[in-house]
Amino acid sequence: MPDEYADIERQELETTHQSEADTPTDETKKTTVPPVARTSEAPDGQAEHNNGGPTIADLFNPPAAPVPAPATAAPEAGSVLTKHEAGPSEEVPEAENPGPAPLPGPASVPVPAPTRAADDAEDTAVTAPTVLLLGRVLIEGAAGRIDSNRQSAAVELVSYLALNPGADHHAIDDALWPGRLVNKQMRNAVISRTRSWLGKDADGQAYFPRVQDTGDSRYRLAQAVTWDWKTFQNFARTGLAHHDEDGDLALRRALALVRGRPFAAIDPQRYAWAEPAVQEMVSAITDVAYELSTRRREAADYAGALWAAHQGLLAAEENELLHRQVFLAHHAAGDVDALREAAARLARINEGLGGGVDMEAETAQLLRTLLPRSVANR
């Protein structure tokens, strides 16, 4: 008898809380055992804690849009209650979950369109190769492929043309194969592989044009190809000419391009042609670093002064002019411990140079002024 009363009460509750009695009756006929009591208890419990049960049904059942959503959500309710009859009775509470579910769908539709457009814009800006010389020599943005055992010659050729645009085949032979007789086939093979490696722009124009397309039968890279040394020169020229905030910013941008000593980690049997360029780059970097470090120290920006000096030391760690800038910045900031460590670092660098070298007289005098004699004489 208790089971029969429970069945009668369940049927009454289902008829009062649900207007769609056809589908529920089909599903309840399949299982008229205790699991049905569980499905009726869930809505009753919600009605006790929240009067929104019928109200939610009124809100979500009339519109046509939520109808397919519960159909997909019904298995979720079944998995929670381990019975399929939970579908119709749980449509009302589960309607709360399908609410946010459609949002990611429509939101994700318009997002890819602008994202792809942005990616396309970025691709056109990024695909042009960039020649990095202020540190380890790298070619970024090459769209093609090249065998690893042939890449070093291509990198050197691109680096050479970046600094020597308009070179003829004789100059290329002397630079890449000094003292050797180079036949046309060998040179053309390297040039062809390099051209394929650099790739083409969006208009199909090669980043390394064919010599017959240059107008003067000389070899040069396309104007879209950039290199950090040229960018450094532009920023340095602007910064040194303006002693104001904009000038300091330009100098900082120039130094930010420095990753190490120019042409670092190159094959000692290659790049003999680059030695004059390396000396020019190191000199320019130290000049800019000294200038910006001085400006920032005078402005009481000691962190900025130290950063500028250290960027210069990346290119020339033995440069004592920049080490003195570091000493002065630490002293102005009142950081004696950092000053002592900086002096010890210079001593270690000097000891490793050619079996050991003495500190420059001006540097030693500065340390005698800033530090105790015992430290200055190390």
Protein backbone atom coordinates (compact mmCIF):
# COMPACT_ATOMS: atom_id res chain seq x y z
CA MET A 1 0.00 0.00 0.00
CA PRO A 2 2.68 2.60 0.71
CA ASP A 3 4.08 2.05 -2.78
CA GLU A 4 0.67 2.53 -4.35
CA TYR A 5 0.07 5.78 -2.41
CA ALA A 6 3.45 6.99 -3.46
CA ASP A 7 2.60 6.29 -7.09
CA ILE A 8 -0.69 8.23 -6.78
CA GLU A 9 1.05 11.20 -5.14
CA ARG A 10 3.74 11.19 -7.82
CA GLN A 11 1.18 11.26 -10.61
CA GLU A 12 -0.62 14.18 -8.97
CA LEU A 13 2.57 16.15 -8.54
CA GLU A 14 3.64 15.53 -12.11
CA THR A 15 0.29 16.69 -13.47
CA THR A 16 0.34 19.87 -11.38
CA HIS A 17 3.94 20.86 -12.10
CA GLN A 18 4.13 19.90 -15.78
CA SER A 19 1.88 20.97 -18.61
CA GLU A 20 3.54 18.52 -21.03
CA ALA A 21 2.06 15.26 -19.76
CA ASP A 22 2.44 13.23 -22.95
CA THR A 23 6.17 12.77 -22.95
CA PRO A 24 6.46 12.30 -19.18
CA THR A 25 3.81 9.58 -19.15
CA ASP A 26 5.69 7.64 -21.79
CA GLU A 27 8.92 7.85 -19.85
CA THR A 28 7.30 7.13 -16.45
CA LYS A 29 5.63 4.05 -17.85
CA LYS A 30 9.02 2.64 -18.52
CA THR A 31 10.07 2.99 -14.90
CA THR A 32 7.33 3.24 -12.29
CA VAL A 33 9.55 2.01 -9.48
CA PRO A 34 11.42 3.92 -6.75
CA PRO A 35 13.59 5.90 -9.21
CA VAL A 36 10.44 7.86 -10.07
CA ALA A 37 10.24 8.89 -6.47
CA ARG A 38 13.74 10.34 -6.82
CA THR A 39 12.74 12.41 -9.82
CA SER A 40 9.71 13.80 -8.00
CA GLU A 41 11.72 14.54 -4.91
CA ALA A 42 14.17 16.74 -6.77
CA PRO A 43 11.56 19.25 -7.96
CA ASP A 44 9.78 19.11 -4.59
CA GLY A 45 12.98 19.86 -2.78
CA GLN A 46 13.64 22.77 -5.08
CA ALA A 47 10.13 24.06 -4.51
CA GLU A 48 10.71 23.98 -0.77
CA HIS A 49 13.94 25.94 -0.99
CA ASN A 50 13.01 28.11 -3.93
CA ASN A 51 9.62 29.13 -5.25
CA GLY A 52 11.18 29.64 -8.65
CA GLY A 53 10.38 26.05 -9.79
CA PRO A 54 7.11 26.86 -11.58
CA THR A 55 8.36 30.31 -12.46
CA ILE A 56 11.40 28.88 -14.24
CA ALA A 57 9.10 26.53 -16.13
CA ASP A 58 7.00 29.48 -17.22
CA LEU A 59 10.07 31.38 -18.31
CA PHE A 60 11.91 28.65 -20.19
CA ASN A 61 9.16 26.41 -21.55
CA PRO A 62 7.20 28.94 -23.69
CA PRO A 63 10.12 30.17 -25.88
CA ALA A 64 11.09 28.00 -28.81
CA ALA A 65 14.83 28.53 -28.33
CA PRO A 66 15.25 26.58 -25.08
CA VAL A 67 13.39 23.53 -26.44
CA PRO A 68 16.42 21.94 -28.15
CA ALA A 69 18.67 22.84 -25.26
CA PRO A 70 16.95 20.56 -22.70
CA ALA A 71 17.01 17.76 -25.25
CA THR A 72 20.80 17.86 -25.18
CA ALA A 73 20.82 18.50 -21.45
CA ALA A 74 18.53 15.55 -20.70
CA PRO A 75 21.34 12.99 -20.87
CA GLU A 76 23.26 15.09 -18.36
CA ALA A 77 20.32 14.92 -15.95
CA GLY A 78 20.00 11.21 -16.60
CA SER A 79 23.65 10.71 -15.81
CA VAL A 80 23.25 12.53 -12.54
CA LEU A 81 20.11 10.67 -11.49
CA THR A 82 21.00 7.44 -13.34
CA LYS A 83 17.52 7.30 -14.88
CA HIS A 84 16.08 8.61 -18.15
CA GLU A 85 12.86 9.78 -16.56
CA ALA A 86 14.80 12.63 -15.04
CA GLY A 87 14.76 14.31 -18.45
CA PRO A 88 11.24 15.78 -18.36
CA SER A 89 11.17 16.46 -14.65
CA GLU A 90 14.62 18.01 -14.70
CA GLU A 91 14.00 20.22 -17.74
CA VAL A 92 13.11 23.12 -15.51
CA PRO A 93 16.21 23.19 -13.26
CA GLU A 94 18.56 22.11 -16.07
CA ALA A 95 17.32 25.05 -18.12
CA GLU A 96 19.52 27.14 -15.92
CA ASN A 97 22.62 25.39 -17.29
CA PRO A 98 21.73 25.62 -21.00
CA GLY A 99 21.36 29.35 -20.46
CA PRO A 100 25.12 30.03 -20.49
CA ALA A 101 25.79 27.12 -22.86
CA PRO A 102 24.54 28.88 -26.01
CA LEU A 103 26.64 31.95 -25.18
CA PRO A 104 30.04 30.44 -25.96
CA GLY A 105 28.66 29.18 -29.26
CA PRO A 106 27.57 32.54 -30.72
CA ALA A 107 30.48 34.32 -29.04
CA SER A 108 32.99 31.98 -30.64
CA VAL A 109 31.55 32.55 -34.09
CA PRO A 110 32.45 36.23 -34.54
CA VAL A 111 35.72 35.95 -32.62
CA PRO A 112 37.62 33.88 -35.20
CA ALA A 113 36.82 36.31 -37.99
CA PRO A 114 38.58 39.35 -36.49
CA THR A 115 41.24 37.10 -35.04
CA ARG A 116 42.08 35.73 -38.44
CA ALA A 117 42.10 39.20 -39.88
CA ALA A 118 44.48 40.31 -37.16
CA ASP A 119 46.65 37.29 -37.77
CA ASP A 120 46.73 38.09 -41.46
CA ALA A 121 47.87 41.61 -40.68
CA GLU A 122 50.54 40.31 -38.33
CA ASP A 123 51.70 37.76 -40.87
CA THR A 124 52.34 40.44 -43.47
CA ALA A 125 54.44 42.35 -40.97
CA VAL A 126 56.29 39.35 -39.55
CA THR A 127 57.06 37.34 -42.67
CA ALA A 128 59.69 39.81 -43.89
CA PRO A 129 63.05 38.47 -42.70
CA THR A 130 65.04 40.33 -40.08
CA VAL A 131 68.83 40.16 -39.89
CA LEU A 132 70.10 40.23 -36.30
CA LEU A 133 73.77 41.15 -35.95
CA LEU A 134 73.97 42.79 -32.49
CA GLY A 135 74.73 39.53 -30.75
CA ARG A 136 74.67 36.06 -32.18
CA VAL A 137 74.00 36.26 -35.94
CA LEU A 138 70.43 35.17 -36.66
CA ILE A 139 68.01 35.44 -39.55
CA GLU A 140 64.43 35.59 -38.33
CA GLY A 141 61.33 35.26 -40.49
CA ALA A 142 62.77 33.17 -43.31
CA ALA A 143 59.76 31.43 -44.82
CA GLY A 144 61.54 28.71 -46.75
CA ARG A 145 63.59 25.68 -45.80
CA ILE A 146 67.25 24.92 -46.04
CA ASP A 147 69.44 22.02 -45.00
CA SER A 148 71.23 22.64 -41.73
CA ASN A 149 74.61 21.89 -43.25
CA ARG A 150 74.03 24.60 -45.86
CA GLN A 151 72.50 27.24 -43.61
CA SER A 152 75.75 28.80 -42.35
CA ALA A 153 76.74 29.94 -45.85
CA ALA A 154 73.26 31.37 -46.43
CA VAL A 155 73.33 33.25 -43.10
CA GLU A 156 76.71 34.74 -43.92
CA LEU A 157 75.57 35.79 -47.39
CA VAL A 158 72.45 37.50 -46.01
CA SER A 159 74.51 39.22 -43.29
CA TYR A 160 77.03 40.41 -45.86
CA LEU A 161 74.37 41.83 -48.18
CA ALA A 162 72.64 43.56 -45.26
CA LEU A 163 75.82 45.54 -44.62
CA ASN A 164 76.99 45.69 -48.23
CA PRO A 165 73.97 46.19 -50.49
CA GLY A 166 74.72 46.36 -54.20
CA ALA A 167 77.71 44.01 -54.10
CA ASP A 168 78.76 42.26 -57.30
CA HIS A 169 79.73 38.62 -57.62
CA HIS A 170 83.42 39.37 -57.19
CA ALA A 171 82.79 41.01 -53.80
CA ILE A 172 80.64 38.08 -52.71
CA ASP A 173 83.34 35.61 -53.71
CA ASP A 174 86.00 37.52 -51.77
CA ALA A 175 83.79 37.80 -48.69
CA LEU A 176 82.45 34.26 -48.45
CA TRP A 177 85.39 32.38 -49.93
CA PRO A 178 88.47 34.53 -49.37
CA GLY A 179 91.58 33.32 -51.17
CA ARG A 180 89.69 30.67 -53.09
CA LEU A 181 88.75 30.29 -56.72
CA VAL A 182 84.98 30.05 -56.87
CA ASN A 183 83.23 28.89 -60.01
CA LYS A 184 79.92 30.28 -61.14
CA GLN A 185 78.00 27.10 -60.38
CA MET A 186 79.11 27.04 -56.74
CA ARG A 187 78.22 30.70 -56.17
CA ASN A 188 74.87 30.43 -57.94
CA ALA A 189 73.95 27.35 -55.91
CA VAL A 190 74.48 29.22 -52.63
CA ILE A 191 72.59 32.26 -53.91
CA SER A 192 69.69 30.15 -55.18
CA ARG A 193 69.35 28.24 -51.92
CA THR A 194 69.47 31.49 -49.94
CA ARG A 195 66.79 33.05 -52.15
CA SER A 196 64.49 30.08 -51.65
CA TRP A 197 65.13 30.10 -47.92
CA LEU A 198 64.22 33.78 -47.45
CA GLY A 199 61.01 33.31 -49.41
CA LYS A 200 58.67 35.82 -50.97
CA ASP A 201 56.32 38.55 -49.79
CA ALA A 202 52.54 38.57 -50.13
CA ASP A 203 52.86 39.87 -53.70
CA GLY A 204 55.16 37.06 -54.71
CA GLN A 205 58.28 39.23 -54.78
CA ALA A 206 61.43 37.52 -53.55
CA TYR A 207 63.13 38.94 -50.47
CA PHE A 208 66.39 38.24 -52.29
CA PRO A 209 65.71 39.44 -55.85
CA ARG A 210 67.39 37.86 -58.83
CA VAL A 211 70.34 39.86 -60.03
CA GLN A 212 68.70 40.52 -63.39
CA ASP A 213 65.74 42.09 -61.58
CA THR A 214 67.74 44.64 -59.58
CA GLY A 215 68.29 47.06 -62.44
CA ASP A 216 72.05 47.36 -61.98
CA SER A 217 73.03 43.67 -61.99
CA ARG A 218 74.06 43.89 -58.34
CA TYR A 219 73.04 41.75 -55.41
CA ARG A 220 70.90 43.22 -52.67
CA LEU A 221 68.10 42.29 -50.32
CA ALA A 222 64.58 43.62 -50.76
CA GLN A 223 63.68 46.82 -48.95
CA ALA A 224 61.26 44.89 -46.74
CA VAL A 225 64.17 43.04 -45.14
CA THR A 226 65.33 44.82 -41.98
CA TRP A 227 68.36 44.48 -39.74
CA ASP A 228 68.92 45.51 -36.16
CA TRP A 229 72.11 47.47 -36.85
CA LYS A 230 70.32 49.90 -39.16
CA THR A 231 67.52 50.29 -36.63
CA PHE A 232 70.08 50.90 -33.90
CA GLN A 233 71.73 53.63 -35.96
CA ASN A 234 68.41 55.38 -36.56
CA PHE A 235 67.49 55.39 -32.87
CA ALA A 236 71.00 56.42 -31.82
CA ARG A 237 71.06 59.30 -34.28
CA THR A 238 67.75 60.59 -32.94
CA GLY A 239 68.65 60.09 -29.28
CA LEU A 240 72.06 61.74 -29.45
CA ALA A 241 70.55 64.77 -31.17
CA HIS A 242 67.83 65.33 -28.57
CA HIS A 243 68.68 65.83 -24.89
CA ASP A 244 65.16 65.35 -23.62
CA GLU A 245 62.78 62.57 -22.70
CA ASP A 246 62.24 61.58 -26.32
CA GLY A 247 65.97 61.47 -26.88
CA ASP A 248 66.50 59.23 -23.87
CA LEU A 249 63.73 56.94 -25.07
CA ALA A 250 65.37 56.65 -28.49
CA LEU A 251 68.70 55.75 -26.90
CA ARG A 252 67.01 53.17 -24.73
CA ARG A 253 65.35 51.61 -27.76
CA ALA A 254 68.69 51.45 -29.51
CA LEU A 255 70.36 49.69 -26.58
CA ALA A 256 67.44 47.30 -26.20
CA LEU A 257 68.47 45.80 -29.54
CA VAL A 258 71.83 44.70 -28.13
CA ARG A 259 71.92 41.00 -27.22
CA GLY A 260 75.67 40.55 -26.89
CA ARG A 261 78.87 41.30 -28.77
CA PRO A 262 78.10 41.86 -32.47
CA PHE A 263 78.64 38.75 -34.58
CA ALA A 264 79.04 36.64 -31.45
CA ALA A 265 79.68 32.90 -31.69
CA ILE A 266 80.59 32.95 -35.38
CA ASP A 267 82.75 30.35 -37.08
CA PRO A 268 86.33 31.64 -36.72
CA GLN A 269 86.99 30.56 -40.31
CA ARG A 270 84.20 32.78 -41.57
CA TYR A 271 83.17 36.43 -41.39
CA ALA A 272 86.66 37.88 -41.86
CA TRP A 273 84.94 40.66 -43.82
CA ALA A 274 82.85 41.56 -40.73
CA GLU A 275 85.69 42.61 -38.40
CA PRO A 276 85.58 46.33 -39.36
CA ALA A 277 81.80 46.30 -38.94
CA VAL A 278 82.13 44.67 -35.53
CA GLN A 279 84.50 47.39 -34.33
CA GLU A 280 82.15 50.09 -35.61
CA MET A 281 79.18 48.51 -33.88
CA VAL A 282 80.97 48.05 -30.56
CA SER A 283 82.13 51.66 -30.62
CA ALA A 284 78.64 52.95 -31.37
CA ILE A 285 77.06 50.79 -28.67
CA THR A 286 79.50 51.92 -25.99
CA ASP A 287 79.01 55.57 -26.96
CA VAL A 288 75.23 55.29 -26.70
CA ALA A 289 75.46 53.33 -23.44
CA TYR A 290 77.81 55.90 -21.90
CA GLU A 291 75.59 58.79 -22.98
CA LEU A 292 72.36 57.31 -21.69
CA SER A 293 73.95 56.10 -18.46
CA THR A 294 75.29 59.60 -17.78
CA ARG A 295 71.94 61.22 -18.51
CA ARG A 296 70.02 58.85 -16.25
CA ARG A 297 72.50 59.15 -13.39
CA GLU A 298 72.31 62.94 -13.55
CA ALA A 299 68.52 62.59 -13.43
CA ALA A 300 68.89 60.43 -10.28
CA ASP A 301 67.56 57.42 -12.19
CA TYR A 302 70.25 55.06 -10.97
CA ALA A 303 68.47 51.92 -12.14
CA GLY A 304 68.25 53.38 -15.62
CA ALA A 305 71.91 54.37 -15.50
CA LEU A 306 72.94 50.85 -14.52
CA TRP A 307 70.76 49.29 -17.20
CA ALA A 308 72.32 51.45 -19.92
CA ALA A 309 75.85 50.67 -18.79
CA HIS A 310 75.17 46.94 -18.56
CA GLN A 311 73.64 46.89 -22.06
CA GLY A 312 76.84 48.41 -23.35
CA LEU A 313 78.90 45.85 -21.45
CA LEU A 314 77.03 43.09 -23.26
CA ALA A 315 78.85 44.20 -26.39
CA ALA A 316 82.18 45.01 -24.72
CA GLU A 317 82.50 43.57 -21.23
CA GLU A 318 86.11 44.76 -20.93
CA ASN A 319 85.23 48.42 -21.57
CA GLU A 320 86.30 50.21 -18.40
CA LEU A 321 84.59 53.43 -19.42
CA LEU A 322 81.28 51.64 -18.90
CA HIS A 323 82.51 49.93 -15.74
CA ARG A 324 83.24 53.37 -14.32
CA GLN A 325 79.64 54.32 -15.15
CA VAL A 326 78.50 51.34 -13.11
CA PHE A 327 80.73 52.40 -10.19
CA LEU A 328 79.39 55.94 -10.25
CA ALA A 329 75.77 54.78 -10.38
CA HIS A 330 76.19 52.44 -7.42
CA HIS A 331 78.00 55.15 -5.46
CA ALA A 332 75.31 57.72 -6.21
CA ALA A 333 72.66 55.22 -5.10
CA GLY A 334 74.60 54.62 -1.86
CA ASP A 335 74.93 50.89 -2.54
CA VAL A 336 78.45 50.15 -1.29
CA ASP A 337 78.06 46.38 -1.45
CA ALA A 338 77.02 46.52 -5.11
CA LEU A 339 79.95 48.84 -5.79
CA ARG A 340 82.38 46.36 -4.23
CA GLU A 341 80.91 43.51 -6.29
CA ALA A 342 81.16 45.56 -9.48
CA ALA A 343 84.82 46.30 -8.76
CA ALA A 344 85.48 42.61 -8.15
CA ARG A 345 83.76 41.71 -11.40
CA LEU A 346 86.01 44.04 -13.37
CA ALA A 347 89.04 42.53 -11.65
CA ARG A 348 87.94 39.05 -12.73
CA ILE A 349 87.42 40.21 -16.30
CA ASN A 350 90.87 41.80 -16.44
CA GLU A 351 92.47 38.66 -15.05
CA GLY A 352 90.99 36.66 -17.91
CA LEU A 353 92.23 38.97 -20.65
CA GLY A 354 95.45 37.73 -22.22
CA GLY A 355 96.85 36.28 -19.06
CA GLY A 356 95.80 39.28 -17.00
CA VAL A 357 95.87 43.03 -17.55
CA ASP A 358 96.09 45.93 -15.18
CA MET A 359 93.21 48.21 -14.44
CA GLU A 360 93.25 51.51 -16.29
CA ALA A 361 94.72 54.36 -14.28
CA GLU A 362 91.51 56.38 -14.42
CA THR A 363 89.51 53.41 -13.16
CA ALA A 364 91.94 52.72 -10.32
CA GLN A 365 91.84 56.38 -9.29
CA LEU A 366 88.05 56.38 -9.26
CA LEU A 367 87.92 53.29 -7.07
CA ARG A 368 90.44 54.80 -4.66
CA THR A 369 88.05 57.70 -4.33
CA LEU A 370 84.94 55.63 -3.90
CA LEU A 371 86.26 52.61 -1.98
CA PRO A 372 88.90 51.78 0.63
CA ARG A 373 92.41 51.39 -0.75
CA SER A 374 92.51 47.64 -0.08
CA VAL A 375 89.61 47.09 -2.48
CA ALA A 376 90.84 49.53 -5.10
CA ASN A 377 94.21 47.80 -5.37
CA ARG A 378 92.85 44.33 -6.07
